[in-house]
Amino acid sequence: TKWLDAHYDPVANLYTFSSCIALADLHGDGENKLVVGDLGTGSCNMKLKVYRGTGLMSENTLLDLPTGLVSFLMDQHEPRTPAIAVASGPFIYVYKNLRPYFKFTLPPLEVNALEQDVWNQAREVNKADVPLSVRSLRFLMLDPQDTEAFVNLHKAQPIRRQTVITCIGTLKKNMADEDAVSCLVIGTESKDVYILDPEAFTILSKMSVPSAPTQMDVTGQFDVEFRITVACRNGNIYILRRDSPKPKYCIELSSHPVGLVRMGKSVVVGCAQETLQGFTQKGKKLWTACLPAPVTTMGVMDLPTRGFQAVLVGLANCEVHLYRDKNLISTIKTPDVVTSICFGRYGREDGTLIMTTKGGGLIVKILKRTAVFDDRDSAPGPPLAQSIRLNIPKKTKLYVDQTMRERENAVAMHRAFQMDLSRLRLAAARAYVKALESSLTPMSSSLSEPLKMNAVVQGLGPSFKLTLNIQNTAACRPVMHLAISFLYDESLYSMRTAFFKIPLLVPGLNYPIDTFVECLSDKGISDIIKVFVLREGKSAPLLTAHINMPVSEGLALN
């Protein structure tokens, strides 16, 4: 009931993943379009498709399978329209206004000297039985009858070693604004992470991870501080930071990660063993949630207008679960297995959820403006925290010795504790009675004259301004015939007015009373000034306040 079914096309012929789908205002008209890198059949019909509303707006043919797609602002020119970067093989194709704008190629890698020498021999000696080691993985995949033709075809060409892009993201250049210029961040099969300049497309920074990256999440600003969280093929997650070419932290998982998103200051990982795990930015495990089916895709649901963030998890049982931390707060049923998820502004609607299915369908749902998500876990059964095993430390020798001492002297220790507790209660009761008898509390204990008073001292010295704020806290009964008197050391202080009369206190109003205090000593000492609120005809004060005067920092002028 929290979602409106805006559109469902089961034959949209869209085959893609969450890394190849984005929402962007391509024309600067305030209306976001859906940009999809369509995988086609895997060997042909790869296209860059743009949807507006429920219809296909345009499409461009892609030369190879896309591995990632992002929208980013590459300059400050008006109008502020984002570009689309499509990672495919060793290339990044940049589209501006839905037209090809720039093609970036990854730098070649260093060739192994032994491999280079073998191919040089193949070029110099025209024999079919030359013993070859490796030119590429493609050569090793050939059948034995095809190897001679392959060698004759490539032996005259200079040998090159080229890597491919495995994942892509964006990083703000120097400002955190939504419309700020962003750098491209790419992960490669050669275990490297590159950060590219958004205008010149030069390599600004190069970092390495122990294994080939498969997914990444980027946050921060390149010129200030940033974190790149990388999920790698070896089943670990590495966190890269600024000015550090190697990973700063490592998260070791029990199974391979199939989804990675960031929610606030925590990293949420979907694992192949049907679990969802939360970690801190430094790799400390926070929680684990068990899932009813394998994870197919993950995404972030971010509603800044409501201050709401959650994780969308697509499952193989035709469901999409919405998690906030480890709590399951909503479940969406889908007609087919979801392969990609994207949440954001589509058209002019902020809360739009876009999903593609395994059969090529397109689903668009809109979050109701009246939808409210409960933070309580909606999963059936006992709470998940009940199954978490406590990390109990081992018993030390000191702990065992203390336990034995408590067993042997239990009666004496209990009696001593009860005696100390009784003394503490007696001391507290005596202090309370003394405060009531001396009217030392800031509020009056009398029911006929319920008063409240506080004091403020202003100034550096030797002259101070003393302000008393007196209030009658009664509901409707005024208090009359009150007097205020000050008691102080006349060798240290002098007061212009040390006695006031208050004829009437109306309930609920604050009555400020000002007087000036002059410090007579230049020795840097201070004392307490006592304030008494009295009722005419009674010697016991209604209220008493002790004001700790500050040390005079000025010099008395004659």
Protein backbone atom coordinates (compact mmCIF):
# COMPACT_ATOMS: atom_id res chain seq x y z
CA THR A 1 0.00 0.00 0.00
CA LYS A 2 3.01 2.32 0.19
CA TRP A 3 3.66 2.22 -3.59
CA LEU A 4 1.70 3.23 -6.68
CA ASP A 5 2.04 0.95 -9.71
CA ALA A 6 2.93 3.57 -12.32
CA HIS A 7 4.06 1.32 -15.20
CA TYR A 8 4.83 -2.31 -16.02
CA ASP A 9 6.00 -3.51 -19.43
CA PRO A 10 6.85 -7.23 -19.39
CA VAL A 11 8.19 -7.09 -23.00
CA ALA A 12 10.37 -3.96 -22.73
CA ASN A 13 13.33 -6.11 -23.87
CA LEU A 14 15.67 -4.58 -21.29
CA TYR A 15 18.53 -6.78 -20.04
CA THR A 16 20.79 -4.91 -17.65
CA PHE A 17 22.19 -4.68 -14.12
CA SER A 18 22.08 -1.99 -11.43
CA SER A 19 25.55 -0.77 -12.44
CA CYS A 20 24.26 0.07 -15.94
CA ILE A 21 21.22 2.15 -15.01
CA ALA A 22 21.03 5.83 -13.97
CA LEU A 23 18.60 8.75 -13.63
CA ALA A 24 19.77 12.12 -15.00
CA ASP A 25 18.40 15.49 -16.15
CA LEU A 26 19.95 15.24 -19.61
CA HIS A 27 18.42 18.43 -21.05
CA GLY A 28 18.46 20.74 -18.00
CA ASP A 29 14.66 21.09 -17.98
CA GLY A 30 14.17 19.67 -14.46
CA GLU A 31 12.79 16.40 -15.80
CA ASN A 32 14.95 13.34 -15.16
CA LYS A 33 15.30 10.63 -17.79
CA LEU A 34 16.11 6.95 -17.37
CA VAL A 35 19.41 5.97 -18.99
CA VAL A 36 20.03 2.25 -19.47
CA GLY A 37 23.02 0.35 -20.84
CA ASP A 38 21.22 -2.60 -22.46
CA LEU A 39 23.28 -5.83 -22.67
CA GLY A 40 21.21 -7.13 -25.58
CA THR A 41 21.88 -10.81 -26.27
CA GLY A 42 25.40 -10.62 -24.83
CA SER A 43 27.06 -10.61 -28.24
CA CYS A 44 24.92 -8.19 -30.27
CA ASN A 45 22.20 -5.53 -29.91
CA MET A 46 24.07 -3.70 -27.11
CA LYS A 47 22.49 -0.24 -26.89
CA LEU A 48 22.37 2.91 -24.82
CA LYS A 49 18.66 3.56 -24.27
CA VAL A 50 17.00 6.66 -22.85
CA TYR A 51 13.43 6.55 -21.50
CA ARG A 52 11.14 9.48 -20.85
CA GLY A 53 8.02 8.65 -18.88
CA THR A 54 6.88 5.25 -20.11
CA GLY A 55 8.26 5.50 -23.64
CA LEU A 56 11.64 5.03 -25.30
CA MET A 57 13.09 8.44 -26.18
CA SER A 58 16.31 7.52 -28.01
CA GLU A 59 18.90 4.76 -28.37
CA ASN A 60 22.54 4.55 -29.48
CA THR A 61 24.39 1.41 -30.52
CA LEU A 62 27.23 0.27 -28.26
CA LEU A 63 30.25 -1.54 -29.72
CA ASP A 64 30.77 -3.88 -26.78
CA LEU A 65 29.10 -5.08 -23.60
CA PRO A 66 28.72 -2.25 -21.05
CA THR A 67 30.11 -2.94 -17.57
CA GLY A 68 28.97 0.30 -15.95
CA LEU A 69 27.15 3.55 -16.62
CA VAL A 70 27.18 6.83 -14.68
CA SER A 71 25.99 10.41 -15.20
CA PHE A 72 28.30 13.24 -14.14
CA LEU A 73 28.89 16.97 -14.62
CA MET A 74 32.19 17.52 -16.37
CA ASP A 75 32.31 21.34 -16.57
CA GLN A 76 30.77 24.58 -15.28
CA HIS A 77 29.23 25.62 -18.58
CA GLU A 78 25.59 26.66 -18.80
CA PRO A 79 23.18 24.99 -19.12
CA ARG A 80 24.30 22.48 -16.48
CA THR A 81 23.56 19.27 -18.35
CA PRO A 82 25.29 16.06 -17.23
CA ALA A 83 27.28 13.76 -19.49
CA ILE A 84 26.89 9.99 -19.65
CA ALA A 85 29.96 7.76 -19.28
CA VAL A 86 29.66 4.14 -20.44
CA ALA A 87 32.46 1.71 -19.51
CA SER A 88 32.97 -1.03 -22.07
CA GLY A 89 36.10 -3.18 -22.37
CA PRO A 90 39.20 -0.97 -22.04
CA PHE A 91 37.26 2.14 -23.14
CA ILE A 92 35.01 4.78 -21.61
CA TYR A 93 32.57 6.32 -24.07
CA VAL A 94 31.40 9.79 -23.00
CA TYR A 95 28.12 11.10 -24.42
CA LYS A 96 27.12 14.78 -24.26
CA ASN A 97 23.57 15.70 -25.29
CA LEU A 98 23.14 12.00 -26.19
CA ARG A 99 25.87 12.27 -28.84
CA PRO A 100 29.37 10.72 -28.77
CA TYR A 101 31.72 13.28 -27.22
CA PHE A 102 34.94 11.56 -26.11
CA LYS A 103 36.54 8.12 -25.96
CA PHE A 104 39.02 7.36 -23.18
CA THR A 105 41.34 4.35 -23.42
CA LEU A 106 43.02 2.75 -20.44
CA PRO A 107 46.83 2.99 -20.52
CA PRO A 108 48.53 -0.24 -21.67
CA LEU A 109 50.20 -2.45 -19.09
CA GLU A 110 53.83 -3.54 -19.04
CA VAL A 111 54.47 -6.67 -21.12
CA ASN A 112 56.31 -9.60 -19.61
CA ALA A 113 59.88 -9.75 -21.01
CA LEU A 114 59.77 -13.53 -21.55
CA GLU A 115 56.52 -13.31 -23.49
CA GLN A 116 57.94 -10.48 -25.62
CA ASP A 117 61.02 -12.55 -26.41
CA VAL A 118 58.96 -15.56 -27.52
CA TRP A 119 56.89 -13.47 -29.91
CA ASN A 120 60.04 -11.89 -31.29
CA GLN A 121 61.32 -15.38 -32.06
CA ALA A 122 58.02 -16.21 -33.75
CA ARG A 123 58.43 -13.14 -35.96
CA GLU A 124 62.02 -13.96 -36.92
CA VAL A 125 61.66 -17.73 -37.49
CA ASN A 126 58.80 -18.67 -39.79
CA LYS A 127 58.07 -22.11 -38.34
CA ALA A 128 54.82 -23.61 -37.16
CA ASP A 129 56.40 -25.67 -34.40
CA VAL A 130 57.95 -22.74 -32.48
CA PRO A 131 57.34 -23.41 -28.74
CA LEU A 132 55.19 -20.50 -27.46
CA SER A 133 54.39 -19.69 -23.81
CA VAL A 134 51.50 -17.16 -23.65
CA ARG A 135 50.45 -14.21 -25.74
CA SER A 136 47.01 -13.80 -24.30
CA LEU A 137 44.19 -15.69 -22.71
CA ARG A 138 42.54 -15.79 -26.09
CA PHE A 139 45.43 -17.80 -27.55
CA LEU A 140 45.17 -20.34 -24.74
CA MET A 141 41.47 -20.78 -25.48
CA LEU A 142 42.11 -21.77 -29.13
CA ASP A 143 41.89 -25.30 -30.41
CA PRO A 144 45.24 -26.88 -31.41
CA GLN A 145 44.41 -26.72 -35.13
CA ASP A 146 43.84 -22.94 -34.93
CA THR A 147 47.06 -21.97 -33.17
CA GLU A 148 49.27 -21.81 -36.31
CA ALA A 149 46.92 -19.41 -38.05
CA PHE A 150 46.72 -17.28 -34.92
CA VAL A 151 50.52 -17.04 -34.66
CA ASN A 152 50.93 -16.17 -38.37
CA LEU A 153 48.26 -13.49 -38.04
CA HIS A 154 49.66 -11.74 -34.96
CA LYS A 155 53.41 -12.36 -34.96
CA ALA A 156 54.22 -9.25 -37.00
CA GLN A 157 52.21 -6.97 -34.73
CA PRO A 158 53.75 -5.37 -31.65
CA ILE A 159 52.61 -7.17 -28.55
CA ARG A 160 50.45 -5.14 -26.17
CA ARG A 161 48.90 -5.96 -22.83
CA GLN A 162 45.56 -4.27 -22.30
CA THR A 163 43.25 -4.45 -19.30
CA VAL A 164 39.46 -3.91 -19.18
CA ILE A 165 37.11 -1.96 -16.95
CA THR A 166 35.14 -3.94 -14.37
CA CYS A 167 33.27 -1.17 -12.50
CA ILE A 168 32.80 2.60 -12.62
CA GLY A 169 31.68 5.37 -10.25
CA THR A 170 31.84 9.14 -9.73
CA LEU A 171 33.63 11.32 -7.16
CA LYS A 172 32.98 15.03 -6.51
CA LYS A 173 35.98 17.15 -7.50
CA ASN A 174 36.10 19.89 -4.86
CA MET A 175 32.52 20.64 -3.75
CA ALA A 176 29.81 18.47 -2.21
CA ASP A 177 26.94 20.23 -4.02
CA GLU A 178 24.56 18.09 -6.04
CA ASP A 179 25.44 19.98 -9.24
CA ALA A 180 29.20 19.99 -8.61
CA VAL A 181 31.77 18.73 -11.13
CA SER A 182 32.62 15.04 -10.66
CA CYS A 183 35.59 12.85 -11.49
CA LEU A 184 35.27 9.35 -12.93
CA VAL A 185 36.50 6.45 -10.78
CA ILE A 186 37.13 3.16 -12.58
CA GLY A 187 38.22 -0.28 -11.43
CA THR A 188 40.12 -2.54 -13.83
CA GLU A 189 40.89 -6.23 -14.29
CA SER A 190 44.57 -5.43 -13.57
CA LYS A 191 43.68 -4.75 -9.86
CA ASP A 192 44.03 -0.98 -10.30
CA VAL A 193 41.66 1.89 -9.45
CA TYR A 194 41.99 5.09 -11.52
CA ILE A 195 40.56 8.56 -10.85
CA LEU A 196 40.14 10.60 -14.05
CA ASP A 197 39.99 14.35 -14.53
CA PRO A 198 36.48 15.33 -15.70
CA GLU A 199 37.66 17.77 -18.39
CA ALA A 200 41.00 16.54 -19.73
CA PHE A 201 40.37 12.84 -18.90
CA THR A 202 43.88 12.46 -17.58
CA ILE A 203 44.70 10.14 -14.70
CA LEU A 204 44.69 12.13 -11.45
CA SER A 205 45.39 9.23 -9.13
CA LYS A 206 46.14 5.51 -9.34
CA MET A 207 45.59 3.03 -6.51
CA SER A 208 45.93 -0.73 -6.30
CA VAL A 209 43.96 -3.49 -4.57
CA PRO A 210 45.00 -7.14 -4.04
CA SER A 211 42.33 -8.52 -6.40
CA ALA A 212 40.25 -7.44 -9.38
CA PRO A 213 37.43 -5.09 -8.26
CA THR A 214 33.85 -6.04 -9.12
CA GLN A 215 31.81 -3.33 -7.36
CA MET A 216 32.59 0.00 -5.76
CA ASP A 217 31.03 2.81 -3.76
CA VAL A 218 32.59 6.28 -3.72
CA THR A 219 32.01 9.14 -1.26
CA GLY A 220 33.73 12.45 -0.44
CA GLN A 221 35.64 14.97 -2.57
CA PHE A 222 38.90 14.42 -4.46
CA ASP A 223 40.55 17.69 -3.34
CA VAL A 224 39.49 17.28 0.31
CA GLU A 225 38.97 13.69 1.52
CA PHE A 226 37.35 10.65 -0.03
CA ARG A 227 36.72 6.95 0.58
CA ILE A 228 36.44 4.30 -2.12
CA THR A 229 34.91 1.04 -0.92
CA VAL A 230 35.82 -1.75 -3.35
CA ALA A 231 34.41 -5.29 -3.39
CA CYS A 232 36.93 -7.61 -5.04
CA ARG A 233 36.86 -11.00 -6.70
CA ASN A 234 38.77 -12.66 -3.85
CA GLY A 235 35.75 -12.19 -1.56
CA ASN A 236 37.18 -9.25 0.42
CA ILE A 237 36.22 -5.58 0.61
CA TYR A 238 38.94 -2.92 0.66
CA ILE A 239 38.62 0.74 1.65
CA LEU A 240 40.87 3.25 -0.13
CA ARG A 241 41.49 6.78 1.14
CA ARG A 242 43.18 9.92 -0.14
CA ASP A 243 47.01 9.93 -0.36
CA SER A 244 47.15 6.15 0.17
CA PRO A 245 47.90 4.01 -2.92
CA LYS A 246 47.18 0.84 -0.94
CA PRO A 247 43.97 -0.12 0.93
CA LYS A 248 43.58 1.44 4.37
CA TYR A 249 41.19 -1.18 5.74
CA CYS A 250 40.13 -4.71 4.72
CA ILE A 251 36.84 -6.50 5.39
CA GLU A 252 37.08 -10.28 5.15
CA LEU A 253 33.77 -11.93 4.28
CA SER A 254 32.73 -15.54 4.77
CA SER A 255 31.32 -15.62 1.21
CA HIS A 256 31.63 -13.56 -1.94
CA PRO A 257 29.88 -10.16 -2.07
CA VAL A 258 27.09 -9.83 -4.66
CA GLY A 259 25.93 -6.34 -3.66
CA LEU A 260 27.56 -3.28 -2.08
CA VAL A 261 25.93 0.02 -1.03
CA ARG A 262 26.70 2.75 1.49
CA MET A 263 24.05 4.02 3.90
CA GLY A 264 25.20 6.98 5.96
CA LYS A 265 28.47 6.05 7.66
CA SER A 266 28.00 2.30 7.31
CA VAL A 267 28.64 -0.14 4.46
CA VAL A 268 25.95 -2.74 3.69
CA VAL A 269 27.04 -5.89 1.84
CA GLY A 270 24.86 -8.62 0.33
CA CYS A 271 26.66 -11.97 0.42
CA ALA A 272 26.28 -15.12 -1.65
CA GLN A 273 25.31 -17.17 1.44
CA GLU A 274 21.94 -15.32 1.64
CA THR A 275 22.94 -12.80 4.29
CA LEU A 276 22.98 -9.01 4.54
CA GLN A 277 25.82 -7.59 6.65
CA GLY A 278 26.58 -4.11 7.97
CA PHE A 279 30.08 -2.74 8.63
CA THR A 280 31.59 0.52 9.83
CA GLN A 281 33.86 2.61 7.60
CA LYS A 282 36.85 0.95 9.31
CA GLY A 283 35.62 -2.57 8.67
CA LYS A 284 34.08 -3.43 12.05
CA LYS A 285 31.06 -5.72 11.73
CA LEU A 286 27.85 -4.22 13.10
CA TRP A 287 25.06 -6.69 12.31
CA THR A 288 23.93 -9.60 10.14
CA ALA A 289 20.46 -10.27 8.70
CA CYS A 290 19.45 -13.59 7.17
CA LEU A 291 17.61 -13.48 3.84
CA PRO A 292 15.01 -15.95 2.53
CA ALA A 293 16.62 -16.20 -0.93
CA PRO A 294 19.86 -15.32 -2.79
CA VAL A 295 20.55 -11.65 -3.53
CA THR A 296 20.24 -10.61 -7.18
CA THR A 297 20.83 -6.85 -6.90
CA MET A 298 20.99 -4.00 -4.36
CA GLY A 299 20.33 -0.26 -4.33
CA VAL A 300 19.96 2.72 -2.00
CA MET A 301 16.63 4.39 -1.29
CA ASP A 302 17.45 7.98 -0.35
CA LEU A 303 14.75 10.57 0.39
CA PRO A 304 16.54 13.76 1.55
CA THR A 305 13.24 15.65 1.89
CA ARG A 306 12.12 13.19 4.57
CA GLY A 307 15.57 12.42 5.99
CA PHE A 308 15.01 8.74 5.18
CA GLN A 309 17.58 6.22 3.95
CA ALA A 310 17.19 2.48 3.44
CA VAL A 311 18.66 -0.39 1.42
CA LEU A 312 16.72 -2.07 -1.39
CA VAL A 313 17.57 -5.76 -1.81
CA GLY A 314 16.31 -7.73 -4.82
CA LEU A 315 15.93 -11.45 -4.13
CA ALA A 316 15.66 -14.53 -6.32
CA ASN A 317 12.18 -15.34 -4.92
CA CYS A 318 10.56 -12.41 -6.82
CA GLU A 319 10.66 -10.05 -3.84
CA VAL A 320 12.35 -6.75 -3.05
CA HIS A 321 13.07 -6.19 0.64
CA LEU A 322 13.58 -2.76 2.18
CA TYR A 323 16.03 -2.73 5.11
CA ARG A 324 16.94 0.03 7.51
CA ASP A 325 19.99 -1.22 9.33
CA LYS A 326 19.10 -4.88 10.03
CA ASN A 327 15.35 -4.25 10.31
CA LEU A 328 13.06 -5.36 7.48
CA ILE A 329 10.56 -2.50 7.15
CA SER A 330 8.81 -3.32 3.86
CA THR A 331 8.45 -6.03 1.19
CA ILE A 332 7.54 -5.54 -2.48
CA LYS A 333 6.25 -8.46 -4.57
CA THR A 334 7.36 -8.50 -8.23
CA PRO A 335 6.10 -10.60 -11.17
CA ASP A 336 9.64 -11.74 -12.06
CA VAL A 337 13.13 -11.84 -10.57
CA VAL A 338 14.56 -8.32 -10.36
CA THR A 339 18.01 -7.83 -11.94
CA SER A 340 18.52 -4.07 -11.47
CA ILE A 341 17.19 -1.42 -9.08
CA CYS A 342 17.35 2.38 -9.26
CA PHE A 343 15.62 4.82 -6.90
CA GLY A 344 15.49 8.57 -7.37
CA ARG A 345 13.85 11.41 -9.25
CA TYR A 346 12.23 10.30 -12.52
CA GLY A 347 10.40 12.92 -14.51
CA ARG A 348 9.28 15.34 -11.83
CA GLU A 349 8.54 12.71 -9.17
CA ASP A 350 11.16 12.34 -6.42
CA GLY A 351 10.28 8.95 -4.95
CA THR A 352 10.40 6.70 -8.03
CA LEU A 353 11.54 3.08 -7.92
CA ILE A 354 12.64 1.62 -11.27
CA MET A 355 13.35 -2.10 -11.69
CA THR A 356 14.17 -4.38 -14.61
CA THR A 357 13.45 -8.10 -14.51
CA LYS A 358 15.20 -11.25 -15.66
CA GLY A 359 12.77 -11.63 -18.55
CA GLY A 360 13.47 -8.12 -19.88
CA GLY A 361 10.54 -6.34 -18.22
CA LEU A 362 10.44 -2.78 -16.89
CA ILE A 363 8.66 -1.90 -13.60
CA VAL A 364 8.09 1.68 -12.38
CA LYS A 365 6.62 2.35 -8.93
CA ILE A 366 6.06 5.70 -7.19
CA LEU A 367 6.22 6.10 -3.42
CA LYS A 368 3.04 7.57 -1.96
CA ARG A 369 3.47 10.92 -0.25
CA THR A 370 1.51 9.57 2.73
CA ALA A 371 3.69 6.46 3.08
CA VAL A 372 5.23 5.98 6.53
CA PHE A 373 7.88 3.35 7.26
CA ASP A 374 8.07 1.84 10.74
CA ASP A 375 11.58 1.27 12.08
CA ARG A 376 10.48 -1.94 13.80
CA ASP A 377 11.48 -5.24 12.24
CA SER A 378 8.55 -6.75 10.31
CA ALA A 379 10.21 -10.15 9.86
CA PRO A 380 8.26 -12.97 11.60
CA GLY A 381 9.65 -14.95 14.51
CA PRO A 382 11.93 -13.94 17.39
CA PRO A 383 14.12 -10.84 17.04
CA LEU A 384 17.39 -11.38 15.22
CA ALA A 385 19.37 -9.99 18.16
CA GLN A 386 18.30 -13.05 20.14
CA SER A 387 20.39 -15.32 17.95
CA ILE A 388 23.55 -13.21 18.15
CA ARG A 389 26.15 -14.83 20.38
CA LEU A 390 27.66 -12.55 22.99
CA ASN A 391 31.40 -12.05 22.86
CA ILE A 392 32.23 -13.10 26.43
CA PRO A 393 35.90 -12.64 27.35
CA LYS A 394 37.93 -15.44 28.86
CA LYS A 395 38.25 -15.73 32.64
CA THR A 396 41.52 -14.30 33.91
CA LYS A 397 43.38 -15.34 37.09
CA LEU A 398 42.46 -12.01 38.72
CA TYR A 399 38.78 -12.66 37.99
CA VAL A 400 38.96 -16.14 39.52
CA ASP A 401 40.75 -14.82 42.65
CA GLN A 402 38.15 -12.07 43.13
CA THR A 403 35.34 -14.60 42.72
CA MET A 404 36.83 -16.85 45.40
CA ARG A 405 37.29 -13.89 47.77
CA GLU A 406 33.63 -12.86 47.30
CA ARG A 407 32.45 -16.41 48.05
CA GLU A 408 34.49 -16.67 51.24
CA ASN A 409 33.57 -13.19 52.58
CA ALA A 410 30.08 -12.81 51.18
CA VAL A 411 28.34 -12.04 54.51
CA ALA A 412 30.90 -9.47 55.67
CA MET A 413 30.93 -7.74 52.26
CA HIS A 414 27.11 -7.58 52.23
CA ARG A 415 27.00 -6.09 55.73
CA ALA A 416 29.65 -3.49 54.83
CA PHE A 417 27.73 -2.58 51.69
CA GLN A 418 24.44 -2.20 53.61
CA MET A 419 26.17 -0.07 56.27
CA ASP A 420 27.70 2.27 53.66
CA LEU A 421 24.36 2.50 51.86
CA SER A 422 22.55 3.40 55.09
CA ARG A 423 25.14 6.09 55.86
CA LEU A 424 24.78 7.52 52.37
CA ARG A 425 21.00 7.68 52.73
CA LEU A 426 21.33 9.34 56.15
CA ALA A 427 23.79 11.95 54.83
CA ALA A 428 21.51 12.71 51.89
CA ALA A 429 18.45 13.07 54.16
CA ARG A 430 20.31 15.40 56.55
CA ALA A 431 21.51 17.57 53.66
CA TYR A 432 17.97 17.71 52.26
CA VAL A 433 16.46 18.71 55.62
CA LYS A 434 19.14 21.34 56.11
CA ALA A 435 18.45 22.78 52.66
CA LEU A 436 14.73 22.94 53.41
CA GLU A 437 15.24 24.55 56.83
CA SER A 438 17.76 27.07 55.49
CA SER A 439 15.81 27.65 52.25
CA LEU A 440 18.95 26.86 50.24
CA THR A 441 17.05 25.44 47.29
CA PRO A 442 16.47 27.54 44.14
CA MET A 443 12.71 26.95 44.49
CA SER A 444 10.58 27.67 47.53
CA SER A 445 9.19 24.69 49.44
CA SER A 446 6.28 26.71 50.81
CA LEU A 447 2.89 26.06 49.22
CA SER A 448 1.61 29.55 50.05
CA GLU A 449 4.62 31.34 48.48
CA PRO A 450 5.86 29.16 45.56
CA LEU A 451 8.85 31.12 44.25
CA LYS A 452 11.76 30.47 41.90
CA MET A 453 14.96 32.53 41.69
CA ASN A 454 18.22 32.56 39.72
CA ALA A 455 21.09 35.01 39.66
CA VAL A 456 23.39 36.28 36.87
CA VAL A 457 26.69 38.16 37.38
CA GLN A 458 28.00 40.32 34.53
CA GLY A 459 31.26 42.24 34.18
CA LEU A 460 35.02 41.79 34.49
CA GLY A 461 35.51 43.93 37.58
CA PRO A 462 35.97 45.78 39.72
CA SER A 463 32.33 46.74 39.02
CA PHE A 464 29.85 43.90 38.56
CA LYS A 465 26.19 43.93 37.62
CA LEU A 466 24.12 41.47 39.65
CA THR A 467 20.71 40.51 38.24
CA LEU A 468 18.16 38.48 40.18
CA ASN A 469 15.25 36.88 38.30
CA ILE A 470 12.32 36.09 40.60
CA GLN A 471 9.17 34.33 39.47
CA ASN A 472 5.94 33.36 41.17
CA THR A 473 5.19 29.77 40.08
CA ALA A 474 1.65 29.67 41.51
CA ALA A 475 -1.23 29.07 39.13
CA CYS A 476 -3.37 32.09 40.02
CA ARG A 477 -2.44 33.43 43.49
CA PRO A 478 -0.17 36.49 43.72
CA VAL A 479 2.53 36.86 46.40
CA MET A 480 2.80 40.16 48.26
CA HIS A 481 4.97 41.94 50.80
CA LEU A 482 8.37 40.42 49.96
CA ALA A 483 11.83 41.76 50.65
CA ILE A 484 15.29 40.91 49.30
CA SER A 485 18.42 41.28 51.41
CA PHE A 486 22.11 40.73 50.61
CA LEU A 487 24.78 39.48 53.04
CA TYR A 488 28.43 39.96 52.07
CA ASP A 489 31.91 40.76 53.37
CA GLU A 490 32.01 44.56 53.59
CA SER A 491 35.83 44.55 53.45
CA LEU A 492 35.71 42.98 49.96
CA TYR A 493 32.53 44.35 48.40
CA SER A 494 30.24 47.32 48.50
CA MET A 495 26.73 47.47 47.08
CA ARG A 496 24.74 50.50 45.99
CA THR A 497 21.49 48.89 47.09
CA ALA A 498 21.57 45.94 49.49
CA PHE A 499 17.85 45.82 50.28
CA PHE A 500 14.76 45.74 48.04
CA LYS A 501 11.03 45.59 48.69
CA ILE A 502 8.70 43.79 46.30
CA PRO A 503 5.08 44.75 46.91
CA LEU A 504 3.54 42.24 44.47
CA LEU A 505 4.52 39.20 42.32
CA VAL A 506 2.00 38.29 39.64
CA PRO A 507 1.97 34.54 38.74
CA GLY A 508 3.91 33.51 35.64
CA LEU A 509 5.87 36.74 35.14
CA ASN A 510 9.63 37.09 35.51
CA TYR A 511 10.76 40.04 37.66
CA PRO A 512 14.40 41.12 37.09
CA ILE A 513 16.06 43.06 39.91
CA ASP A 514 19.40 44.75 39.17
CA THR A 515 22.06 46.04 41.53
CA PHE A 516 25.74 46.89 41.24
CA VAL A 517 28.58 45.37 43.28
CA GLU A 518 31.97 47.06 43.66
CA CYS A 519 35.06 44.97 44.48
CA LEU A 520 37.26 46.83 47.00
CA SER A 521 40.28 44.47 46.96
CA ASP A 522 43.03 44.38 44.35
CA LYS A 523 44.57 41.12 45.64
CA GLY A 524 42.70 38.88 43.19
CA ILE A 525 40.42 37.21 45.75
CA SER A 526 36.67 36.62 45.70
CA ASP A 527 33.93 35.57 48.11
CA ILE A 528 30.30 34.51 48.29
CA ILE A 529 27.38 36.92 48.38
CA LYS A 530 24.26 35.50 50.01
CA VAL A 531 20.78 36.51 48.84
CA PHE A 532 17.71 36.11 51.06
CA VAL A 533 14.09 36.42 49.94
CA LEU A 534 12.03 37.26 53.04
CA ARG A 535 8.38 37.67 53.93
CA GLU A 536 7.65 40.79 55.97
CA GLY A 537 7.17 39.84 59.60
CA LYS A 538 9.03 36.50 59.34
CA SER A 539 12.67 35.85 60.18
CA ALA A 540 13.04 32.57 58.23
CA PRO A 541 13.83 33.23 54.55
CA LEU A 542 11.67 31.79 51.79
CA LEU A 543 14.63 31.39 49.43
CA THR A 544 18.39 31.55 49.84
CA ALA A 545 20.99 31.77 47.09
CA HIS A 546 24.79 31.69 47.35
CA ILE A 547 26.44 33.63 44.52
CA ASN A 548 30.09 32.76 43.83
CA MET A 549 31.53 36.08 42.70
CA PRO A 550 34.26 35.98 40.02
CA VAL A 551 37.75 37.33 40.59
CA SER A 552 38.04 40.99 39.61
CA GLU A 553 40.13 41.28 36.44
CA GLY A 554 40.08 45.07 36.20
CA LEU A 555 41.99 47.67 38.18
CA ALA A 556 40.12 49.94 40.60
CA LEU A 557 40.49 53.57 39.55
CA ASN A 558 40.61 56.25 42.22
